[in-house]
Amino acid sequence: MGSPAWNVVTVAIQAAPDTAEFPLSDAAIAVLGGGVIVFLLVLSAFFSSSEIAMFSLPSHRVDSLVADEVPGSATLKRLKDDPHRLLVTILVGNNIVNIAMSSIATGLLSYYVSQSAAVLSATFGITALVLLFGESAPKSYAVENTESWALRISRPLKLSEYLLLPLIVTFDYLTRQVNRITGGRSEIESTYVTREEIRDIIETGERAGVLEEDEREMLERIFRFTNTIAKEVMTPRLDMDAVSKDATIDEAIRQCVRSGHTRLPVYDGSLDNVLGIVHVSDLIRDSAYGEHDGIELEDLIEETLHVPESKNVDELLAEMREKRMHMVVVIDEFGTTEGLVTMEDITEEIVGEILQAGEEEPIEFVADNEAVVKGELNIDEVNEALGISLPEGEEFETIAGFIFNRAGRLVEEGELIEYDGVDIRVERVENTRIMKARVVRTEEYDRSEPEEPADRGDPTSRAQES
């Protein structure tokens, strides 16, 4: 005994005029029904794969495709511009075809078996078909071919939106009202990825072998660049080479040769009064080929900038490029010269240390968990190299500053500082300045967030920079 719905269909067919030349047989009905189910299964695969492809493709990549005038990209962008309606379109289409498949399968089976057996068979049979051919396989394909598949289906998906427009408009409105009442967001996705997501992509790329270690390090340094200040990249005052304005040109040339620098700051009285910069090429040209006798060093001074130690490096770089300056002076809040920043110092923040002939490596690895580092090295570089988390304080950014802060006094060679599973031994001290330290990550190292160091306010924490 068939279902009431199927009996109605049978009565209607039997009541048809006898002039019907080709009445439908049971086999023809089964074949027709099966063909419709296969067609609907294809549509289910289409909508399922569309959801994955459309929402896996980032918006910035869509913009690039439009800029390159790739066929289908304009339609793709129109769909992505309203992600909420796009999702409603896919869900409405997918649910219609899946429900239609289940209904038709139940009707076909009920013509041959009992109604309860037809419902049970159709439920499990259609579920299995939809999961395999309408969900798993299409979505796997869409994941592996996101961009090409999104471009290919954009026009058919837009056509589906037009065909289902009344339903889409209705459910789009109802969904937005429900979101408004429940406090949910109507936005499906943000326009672009965040900085944190990009960092995760970079780390994943290195683990997958897409990026080399040095490429990953350079990209991470670029992200840190905007948060870096002049004090962190400057050459400290103790390491500055400078010349007095009262020196002769020949003396200035000899000072440039001894220091190995092509530019030197010129001061009046002390380094706290830097007048500007002289270039060795100007000194030599005017010394050997000068047309005017009695020219003084002061006449060759080029103007430079005096910037606070808290100035962001990215802003400083833009200002130096605009004014075409290769060296600027860094001052503290009292106007005292703290150091100087060169274009090379800023470049090293992105590309890494640029070593000159005879210059030592800032980090020398003794073992995987042990390294000898320069005292002037920034703490974040030590942390990255050894996989540790030494903190920075307001009064220091270097490993030497950290040692002074923890000790609370001047230290001597051989002294040991222990902090959160990290041993730091002072290797070399010149006068009051820590030149090198040995940093060892112990086996019991705890990778949890470190506690903030106590700000002891001891003047020795800045002895290296005064």
Protein backbone atom coordinates (compact mmCIF):
# COMPACT_ATOMS: atom_id res chain seq x y z
CA MET A 1 0.00 0.00 0.00
CA GLY A 2 1.58 3.23 -1.05
CA SER A 3 1.54 6.54 0.73
CA PRO A 4 -1.48 8.89 0.32
CA ALA A 5 0.66 11.39 -1.62
CA TRP A 6 1.87 8.74 -4.02
CA ASN A 7 -1.72 7.34 -4.41
CA VAL A 8 -2.87 10.80 -5.47
CA VAL A 9 -0.12 10.90 -8.10
CA THR A 10 -1.12 7.39 -9.32
CA VAL A 11 -4.83 8.31 -9.55
CA ALA A 12 -3.96 11.47 -11.47
CA ILE A 13 -1.90 9.46 -13.97
CA GLN A 14 -4.65 6.85 -14.40
CA ALA A 15 -7.25 9.59 -14.87
CA ALA A 16 -5.31 11.14 -17.68
CA PRO A 17 -6.98 11.17 -21.11
CA ASP A 18 -6.70 7.93 -23.06
CA THR A 19 -5.17 9.93 -25.85
CA ALA A 20 -1.87 9.85 -23.90
CA GLU A 21 0.34 8.05 -26.33
CA PHE A 22 3.17 7.04 -23.91
CA PRO A 23 1.89 6.42 -20.34
CA LEU A 24 4.61 6.27 -17.65
CA SER A 25 5.46 2.77 -16.47
CA ASP A 26 6.74 1.91 -12.97
CA ALA A 27 10.27 1.55 -14.34
CA ALA A 28 10.10 4.94 -16.05
CA ILE A 29 8.91 6.58 -12.82
CA ALA A 30 11.79 4.98 -10.91
CA VAL A 31 14.34 6.08 -13.51
CA LEU A 32 12.92 9.62 -13.61
CA GLY A 33 12.90 9.86 -9.83
CA GLY A 34 16.43 8.52 -9.60
CA GLY A 35 17.61 11.03 -12.21
CA VAL A 36 16.04 13.89 -10.26
CA ILE A 37 17.78 12.69 -7.07
CA VAL A 38 21.14 12.58 -8.86
CA PHE A 39 20.56 16.12 -10.20
CA LEU A 40 19.66 17.38 -6.74
CA LEU A 41 22.75 15.64 -5.31
CA VAL A 42 24.89 17.59 -7.79
CA LEU A 43 23.21 20.81 -6.66
CA SER A 44 23.89 19.87 -3.01
CA ALA A 45 27.57 19.38 -3.84
CA PHE A 46 27.56 22.72 -5.63
CA PHE A 47 26.15 24.67 -2.67
CA SER A 48 28.31 22.85 -0.09
CA SER A 49 31.54 23.47 -1.99
CA SER A 50 30.46 27.07 -2.61
CA GLU A 51 30.30 27.76 1.12
CA ILE A 52 33.82 26.51 1.74
CA ALA A 53 35.35 28.20 -1.32
CA MET A 54 33.67 31.56 -0.79
CA PHE A 55 34.44 31.92 2.88
CA SER A 56 37.95 30.47 2.71
CA LEU A 57 39.07 32.97 0.06
CA PRO A 58 40.33 36.15 1.82
CA SER A 59 38.95 39.46 0.64
CA HIS A 60 42.38 40.93 -0.09
CA ARG A 61 42.97 38.09 -2.56
CA VAL A 62 39.65 38.88 -4.27
CA ASP A 63 40.80 42.50 -4.64
CA SER A 64 43.99 41.28 -6.32
CA LEU A 65 42.00 39.12 -8.74
CA VAL A 66 39.80 42.09 -9.65
CA ALA A 67 42.87 44.28 -10.16
CA ASP A 68 44.30 41.63 -12.51
CA GLU A 69 40.94 41.47 -14.37
CA VAL A 70 40.63 37.71 -13.92
CA PRO A 71 37.41 36.38 -15.53
CA GLY A 72 34.69 35.93 -12.91
CA SER A 73 36.45 38.08 -10.31
CA ALA A 74 33.98 40.97 -10.61
CA THR A 75 31.02 38.68 -9.86
CA LEU A 76 33.01 37.06 -7.07
CA LYS A 77 33.66 40.45 -5.47
CA ARG A 78 29.98 41.41 -5.64
CA LEU A 79 29.11 38.22 -3.78
CA LYS A 80 31.86 38.73 -1.18
CA ASP A 81 30.87 42.35 -0.58
CA ASP A 82 27.70 41.12 1.16
CA PRO A 83 28.80 37.97 3.03
CA HIS A 84 25.59 37.76 5.03
CA ARG A 85 23.38 37.51 1.94
CA LEU A 86 25.88 35.15 0.34
CA LEU A 87 25.59 32.77 3.28
CA VAL A 88 21.78 32.94 3.23
CA THR A 89 21.79 32.18 -0.51
CA ILE A 90 23.96 29.09 -0.02
CA LEU A 91 21.98 27.82 2.98
CA VAL A 92 18.58 28.31 1.33
CA GLY A 93 19.69 26.54 -1.84
CA ASN A 94 21.38 23.71 0.04
CA ASN A 95 18.42 23.06 2.33
CA ILE A 96 15.90 23.12 -0.52
CA VAL A 97 17.76 20.50 -2.55
CA ASN A 98 18.48 18.27 0.47
CA ILE A 99 14.86 18.30 1.66
CA ALA A 100 13.63 17.74 -1.91
CA MET A 101 15.94 14.71 -2.24
CA SER A 102 14.60 13.18 0.96
CA SER A 103 10.97 13.77 -0.06
CA ILE A 104 11.35 12.32 -3.56
CA ALA A 105 13.28 9.31 -2.27
CA THR A 106 10.56 8.64 0.32
CA GLY A 107 7.84 8.88 -2.36
CA LEU A 108 9.67 6.49 -4.72
CA LEU A 109 10.38 3.89 -2.05
CA SER A 110 6.85 4.03 -0.65
CA TYR A 111 5.60 2.87 -4.05
CA TYR A 112 7.40 -0.44 -3.51
CA VAL A 113 7.61 -0.89 0.27
CA SER A 114 5.64 0.17 3.33
CA GLN A 115 5.60 3.79 4.36
CA SER A 116 7.60 3.29 7.55
CA ALA A 117 10.26 1.28 5.69
CA ALA A 118 10.36 3.95 2.97
CA VAL A 119 10.91 6.74 5.52
CA LEU A 120 13.64 4.77 7.29
CA SER A 121 15.41 3.77 4.09
CA ALA A 122 15.19 7.24 2.57
CA THR A 123 16.50 8.85 5.76
CA PHE A 124 19.62 6.72 6.03
CA GLY A 125 20.16 6.36 2.28
CA ILE A 126 19.91 10.05 1.42
CA THR A 127 21.94 10.98 4.52
CA ALA A 128 24.75 8.69 3.40
CA LEU A 129 24.66 10.05 -0.17
CA VAL A 130 24.60 13.67 0.98
CA LEU A 131 27.44 13.19 3.47
CA LEU A 132 29.65 11.47 0.90
CA PHE A 133 28.81 13.14 -2.42
CA GLY A 134 27.12 16.34 -1.23
CA GLU A 135 29.35 17.34 1.67
CA SER A 136 32.68 15.55 2.29
CA ALA A 137 33.99 15.12 -1.26
CA PRO A 138 32.89 18.56 -2.60
CA LYS A 139 34.17 20.41 0.45
CA SER A 140 37.52 18.62 0.32
CA TYR A 141 37.84 19.61 -3.32
CA ALA A 142 36.92 23.23 -2.49
CA VAL A 143 39.56 23.38 0.25
CA GLU A 144 42.29 22.24 -2.15
CA ASN A 145 41.12 24.46 -5.04
CA THR A 146 39.66 27.45 -3.22
CA GLU A 147 40.55 30.22 -5.64
CA SER A 148 39.87 28.47 -8.94
CA TRP A 149 36.61 26.94 -7.70
CA ALA A 150 35.37 30.24 -6.27
CA LEU A 151 35.93 31.91 -9.64
CA ARG A 152 34.19 29.05 -11.48
CA ILE A 153 31.06 29.00 -9.32
CA SER A 154 30.63 32.75 -8.84
CA ARG A 155 28.34 33.24 -11.85
CA PRO A 156 26.12 30.17 -11.18
CA LEU A 157 25.88 31.24 -7.55
CA LYS A 158 24.80 34.72 -8.58
CA LEU A 159 22.17 33.15 -10.85
CA SER A 160 20.92 31.07 -7.91
CA GLU A 161 20.55 34.27 -5.92
CA TYR A 162 18.29 35.72 -8.62
CA LEU A 163 16.18 32.53 -8.87
CA LEU A 164 15.72 32.24 -5.11
CA LEU A 165 15.45 35.99 -4.51
CA PRO A 166 12.07 36.02 -2.66
CA LEU A 167 13.21 33.36 -0.19
CA ILE A 168 16.66 34.93 0.20
CA VAL A 169 15.27 38.41 0.90
CA THR A 170 12.82 36.99 3.44
CA PHE A 171 15.35 34.89 5.36
CA ASP A 172 18.02 37.59 5.11
CA TYR A 173 15.66 40.05 6.78
CA LEU A 174 14.51 37.56 9.42
CA THR A 175 18.10 36.57 10.25
CA ARG A 176 19.19 40.17 10.70
CA GLN A 177 16.21 40.81 13.00
CA VAL A 178 17.05 37.76 15.11
CA ASN A 179 20.68 38.94 15.34
CA ARG A 180 19.49 42.39 16.38
CA ILE A 181 17.22 41.00 19.10
CA THR A 182 19.77 38.53 20.45
CA GLY A 183 22.66 40.99 20.19
CA GLY A 184 24.52 38.89 17.63
CA ARG A 185 26.67 40.38 14.91
CA SER A 186 25.34 40.50 11.38
CA GLU A 187 28.83 40.54 9.89
CA ILE A 188 30.05 37.14 8.74
CA GLU A 189 33.74 37.95 8.30
CA SER A 190 36.16 40.82 8.67
CA THR A 191 37.57 42.42 5.55
CA TYR A 192 41.22 41.62 6.12
CA VAL A 193 43.34 39.37 8.31
CA THR A 194 44.81 40.71 11.55
CA ARG A 195 48.47 41.16 12.44
CA GLU A 196 48.24 38.19 14.81
CA GLU A 197 46.91 35.98 12.02
CA ILE A 198 49.75 37.05 9.75
CA ARG A 199 52.27 36.17 12.47
CA ASP A 200 50.66 32.75 12.83
CA ILE A 201 50.84 32.27 9.05
CA ILE A 202 54.55 33.15 9.10
CA GLU A 203 55.29 30.62 11.87
CA THR A 204 53.20 27.97 10.14
CA GLY A 205 55.01 28.69 6.88
CA GLU A 206 58.38 28.01 8.50
CA ARG A 207 57.16 24.77 10.08
CA ALA A 208 55.77 23.64 6.72
CA GLY A 209 59.03 24.47 4.96
CA VAL A 210 57.55 27.27 2.84
CA LEU A 211 59.71 29.91 4.57
CA GLU A 212 63.34 29.65 5.55
CA GLU A 213 64.37 30.53 9.11
CA ASP A 214 66.08 33.77 8.06
CA GLU A 215 63.01 34.80 6.04
CA ARG A 216 60.77 34.19 9.04
CA GLU A 217 63.10 36.21 11.28
CA MET A 218 63.13 39.14 8.85
CA LEU A 219 59.33 39.18 8.59
CA GLU A 220 59.00 39.12 12.38
CA ARG A 221 61.51 41.98 12.69
CA ILE A 222 59.36 44.01 10.30
CA PHE A 223 56.37 43.56 12.63
CA ARG A 224 58.46 44.68 15.62
CA PHE A 225 59.81 47.64 13.70
CA THR A 226 56.82 49.93 14.33
CA ASN A 227 57.07 49.33 18.10
CA THR A 228 60.81 50.06 18.28
CA ILE A 229 62.08 53.38 19.64
CA ALA A 230 65.31 55.28 18.96
CA LYS A 231 66.85 54.32 22.31
CA GLU A 232 66.68 50.63 21.37
CA VAL A 233 68.65 50.98 18.12
CA MET A 234 71.05 53.85 18.90
CA THR A 235 74.80 53.64 19.33
CA PRO A 236 75.23 54.64 23.01
CA ARG A 237 77.20 57.68 24.02
CA LEU A 238 80.13 55.62 25.30
CA ASP A 239 80.64 54.16 21.80
CA MET A 240 80.27 57.44 19.93
CA ASP A 241 83.20 58.78 17.91
CA ALA A 242 83.08 62.54 17.53
CA VAL A 243 85.33 65.50 16.83
CA SER A 244 85.51 68.98 18.34
CA LYS A 245 84.67 71.97 16.18
CA ASP A 246 88.03 73.46 17.16
CA ALA A 247 89.93 70.57 15.50
CA THR A 248 91.68 71.10 12.20
CA ILE A 249 90.50 69.40 9.03
CA ASP A 250 93.54 67.11 9.09
CA GLU A 251 92.74 66.10 12.67
CA ALA A 252 89.16 65.39 11.68
CA ILE A 253 90.33 63.21 8.78
CA ARG A 254 92.62 61.23 11.09
CA GLN A 255 89.72 60.75 13.54
CA CYS A 256 87.53 59.39 10.73
CA VAL A 257 90.27 56.98 9.66
CA ARG A 258 90.87 55.74 13.22
CA SER A 259 87.16 55.21 13.90
CA GLY A 260 86.42 53.62 10.52
CA HIS A 261 83.41 55.89 9.99
CA THR A 262 82.64 58.08 6.99
CA ARG A 263 80.63 60.55 9.09
CA LEU A 264 81.34 62.03 12.51
CA PRO A 265 79.31 64.31 14.78
CA VAL A 266 80.94 67.65 15.61
CA TYR A 267 80.48 69.05 19.10
CA ASP A 268 81.20 72.35 20.82
CA GLY A 269 82.69 71.84 24.26
CA SER A 270 81.05 68.47 25.03
CA LEU A 271 78.91 65.80 23.42
CA ASP A 272 75.85 67.44 24.96
CA ASN A 273 76.22 70.21 22.38
CA VAL A 274 76.42 68.48 19.00
CA LEU A 275 76.45 71.05 16.20
CA GLY A 276 76.07 68.73 13.25
CA ILE A 277 77.79 66.12 11.09
CA VAL A 278 80.88 66.21 8.84
CA HIS A 279 81.53 63.78 5.99
CA VAL A 280 85.03 62.47 5.32
CA SER A 281 84.62 63.08 1.58
CA ASP A 282 84.00 66.79 2.22
CA LEU A 283 87.02 66.92 4.52
CA ILE A 284 89.33 65.32 1.96
CA ARG A 285 87.99 67.36 -0.95
CA ASP A 286 88.42 70.65 0.85
CA SER A 287 91.77 69.61 2.30
CA ALA A 288 93.27 68.58 -1.04
CA TYR A 289 91.34 70.65 -3.56
CA GLY A 290 89.92 73.53 -1.55
CA GLU A 291 89.81 76.79 -3.46
CA HIS A 292 89.71 78.95 -0.37
CA ASP A 293 92.63 79.17 2.04
CA GLY A 294 92.00 79.12 5.77
CA ILE A 295 88.77 77.06 5.61
CA GLU A 296 87.71 75.78 9.04
CA LEU A 297 86.07 72.50 10.11
CA GLU A 298 83.06 74.47 11.29
CA ASP A 299 82.41 75.56 7.69
CA LEU A 300 81.88 71.94 6.59
CA ILE A 301 79.32 70.99 9.24
CA GLU A 302 75.99 69.67 7.92
CA GLU A 303 72.84 70.15 9.97
CA THR A 304 71.39 67.12 11.74
CA LEU A 305 68.34 66.22 13.82
CA HIS A 306 68.14 65.95 17.60
CA VAL A 307 65.39 63.46 18.44
CA PRO A 308 64.06 62.16 21.78
CA GLU A 309 64.99 58.64 22.79
CA SER A 310 61.30 57.66 22.75
CA LYS A 311 60.78 58.49 19.06
CA ASN A 312 59.43 55.60 16.99
CA VAL A 313 61.96 54.24 14.52
CA ASP A 314 59.52 54.06 11.60
CA GLU A 315 58.71 57.77 12.01
CA LEU A 316 62.40 58.56 12.39
CA LEU A 317 63.23 56.65 9.20
CA ALA A 318 60.61 58.58 7.24
CA GLU A 319 61.95 61.89 8.60
CA MET A 320 65.57 60.98 7.82
CA ARG A 321 64.65 60.00 4.26
CA GLU A 322 62.68 63.19 3.75
CA LYS A 323 65.53 65.39 5.01
CA ARG A 324 68.19 63.13 3.41
CA MET A 325 70.08 62.62 6.65
CA HIS A 326 72.16 59.54 7.44
CA MET A 327 72.84 60.27 11.12
CA VAL A 328 70.81 61.85 13.93
CA VAL A 329 71.55 62.59 17.58
CA VAL A 330 69.43 61.04 20.34
CA ILE A 331 68.79 63.10 23.48
CA ASP A 332 67.04 62.37 26.77
CA GLU A 333 64.36 64.43 28.54
CA PHE A 334 67.01 66.80 29.93
CA GLY A 335 68.56 67.50 26.53
CA THR A 336 71.62 65.38 27.28
CA THR A 337 73.10 63.43 24.38
CA GLU A 338 72.31 59.73 24.83
CA GLY A 339 73.72 58.42 21.57
CA LEU A 340 73.22 58.55 17.82
CA VAL A 341 71.22 56.64 15.23
CA THR A 342 72.44 55.98 11.70
CA MET A 343 70.61 54.70 8.67
CA GLU A 344 72.56 51.44 9.10
CA ASP A 345 71.25 51.05 12.67
CA ILE A 346 67.68 51.30 11.38
CA THR A 347 68.33 48.94 8.48
CA GLU A 348 69.75 46.34 10.88
CA GLU A 349 66.40 46.26 12.67
CA ILE A 350 64.93 44.65 9.55
CA VAL A 351 67.73 42.70 7.86
CA GLY A 352 69.68 41.78 11.00
CA GLU A 353 73.18 42.63 12.15
CA ILE A 354 75.49 44.01 9.45
CA LEU A 355 79.01 43.14 10.58
CA GLN A 356 82.09 44.94 9.37
CA ALA A 357 85.58 43.49 9.03
CA GLY A 358 86.92 42.35 12.41
CA GLU A 359 83.59 42.92 14.18
CA GLU A 360 82.44 40.13 16.51
CA GLU A 361 79.11 38.37 16.31
CA PRO A 362 76.66 39.79 18.87
CA ILE A 363 75.57 36.23 19.81
CA GLU A 364 77.99 33.29 19.86
CA PHE A 365 76.30 29.95 20.54
CA VAL A 366 78.21 27.53 22.74
CA ALA A 367 75.38 24.97 22.78
CA ASP A 368 71.70 24.86 21.87
CA ASN A 369 70.78 26.30 25.27
CA GLU A 370 73.88 28.45 25.90
CA ALA A 371 75.31 31.56 24.24
CA VAL A 372 77.79 34.35 24.91
CA VAL A 373 76.18 37.70 24.09
CA LYS A 374 77.30 41.31 24.03
CA GLY A 375 76.12 43.39 26.95
CA GLU A 376 74.70 46.02 24.61
CA LEU A 377 72.41 43.49 22.88
CA ASN A 378 68.67 44.09 23.18
CA ILE A 379 66.83 41.66 25.43
CA ASP A 380 64.26 40.72 22.79
CA GLU A 381 67.07 39.48 20.51
CA VAL A 382 68.44 37.29 23.31
CA ASN A 383 64.93 35.99 24.04
CA GLU A 384 64.37 35.10 20.39
CA ALA A 385 67.75 33.43 19.98
CA LEU A 386 67.50 31.22 23.08
CA GLY A 387 63.74 30.82 23.34
CA ILE A 388 63.49 32.51 26.74
CA SER A 389 61.44 35.38 28.17
CA LEU A 390 63.64 37.83 30.01
CA PRO A 391 61.63 41.00 30.70
CA GLU A 392 62.41 44.58 29.72
CA GLY A 393 62.05 47.45 32.15
CA GLU A 394 61.51 51.18 31.81
CA GLU A 395 65.17 51.87 32.63
CA PHE A 396 66.80 49.27 30.38
CA GLU A 397 66.45 47.35 27.11
CA THR A 398 69.81 45.54 27.01
CA ILE A 399 71.12 42.40 28.68
CA ALA A 400 73.63 44.54 30.62
CA GLY A 401 70.81 46.72 31.89
CA PHE A 402 68.92 43.62 33.01
CA ILE A 403 71.96 42.40 34.97
CA PHE A 404 72.40 45.77 36.67
CA ASN A 405 68.70 45.86 37.54
CA ARG A 406 68.74 42.40 39.11
CA ALA A 407 72.02 42.97 40.97
CA GLY A 408 71.14 46.49 42.16
CA ARG A 409 74.83 47.47 42.03
CA LEU A 410 77.95 47.33 39.89
CA VAL A 411 78.98 43.78 39.06
CA GLU A 412 82.29 42.05 38.52
CA GLU A 413 83.44 39.33 36.15
CA GLY A 414 82.24 35.85 37.09
CA GLU A 415 79.12 36.97 38.98
CA LEU A 416 76.00 34.87 38.38
CA ILE A 417 72.44 36.15 38.00
CA GLU A 418 69.61 33.59 38.17
CA TYR A 419 66.15 34.35 36.85
CA ASP A 420 63.25 31.99 36.12
CA GLY A 421 65.31 29.04 34.89
CA VAL A 422 67.93 31.23 33.13
CA ASP A 423 71.52 31.60 34.38
CA ILE A 424 73.43 34.72 33.32
CA ARG A 425 77.14 34.88 34.13
CA VAL A 426 79.14 38.07 33.59
CA GLU A 427 82.03 37.20 31.26
CA ARG A 428 83.85 40.49 30.70
CA VAL A 429 83.69 43.92 32.35
CA GLU A 430 85.55 47.06 31.28
CA ASN A 431 85.55 49.73 33.97
CA THR A 432 81.90 49.72 35.03
CA ARG A 433 80.53 48.45 31.73
CA ILE A 434 79.41 44.87 31.06
CA MET A 435 80.86 43.87 27.69
CA LYS A 436 79.87 40.18 27.52
CA ALA A 437 77.65 37.76 29.41
CA ARG A 438 77.01 34.04 29.15
CA VAL A 439 73.29 33.16 29.04
CA VAL A 440 72.25 29.57 29.77
CA ARG A 441 68.72 28.19 29.51
CA THR A 442 68.46 25.49 32.18
CA GLU A 443 66.45 22.28 31.77
CA GLU A 444 63.80 23.33 34.29
CA TYR A 445 63.11 26.57 32.39
CA ASP A 446 59.52 27.75 32.80
CA ARG A 447 58.03 29.21 29.60
CA SER A 448 55.17 30.98 31.40
CA GLU A 449 54.94 34.75 31.35
CA PRO A 450 57.75 36.26 33.46
CA GLU A 451 57.14 38.57 36.35
CA GLU A 452 58.00 42.21 35.93
CA PRO A 453 61.39 43.04 37.42
CA ALA A 454 61.56 45.37 40.34
CA ASP A 455 62.60 48.87 39.38
CA ARG A 456 65.31 49.40 41.96
CA GLY A 457 65.96 52.95 40.92
CA ASP A 458 69.68 52.30 41.27
CA PRO A 459 71.77 54.72 39.22
CA THR A 460 74.08 51.83 38.29
CA SER A 461 71.38 50.49 35.99
CA ARG A 462 72.27 53.32 33.63
CA ALA A 463 76.00 53.36 34.21
CA GLN A 464 76.61 51.78 30.83
CA GLU A 465 74.88 54.63 29.03
CA SER A 466 76.18 57.65 30.92
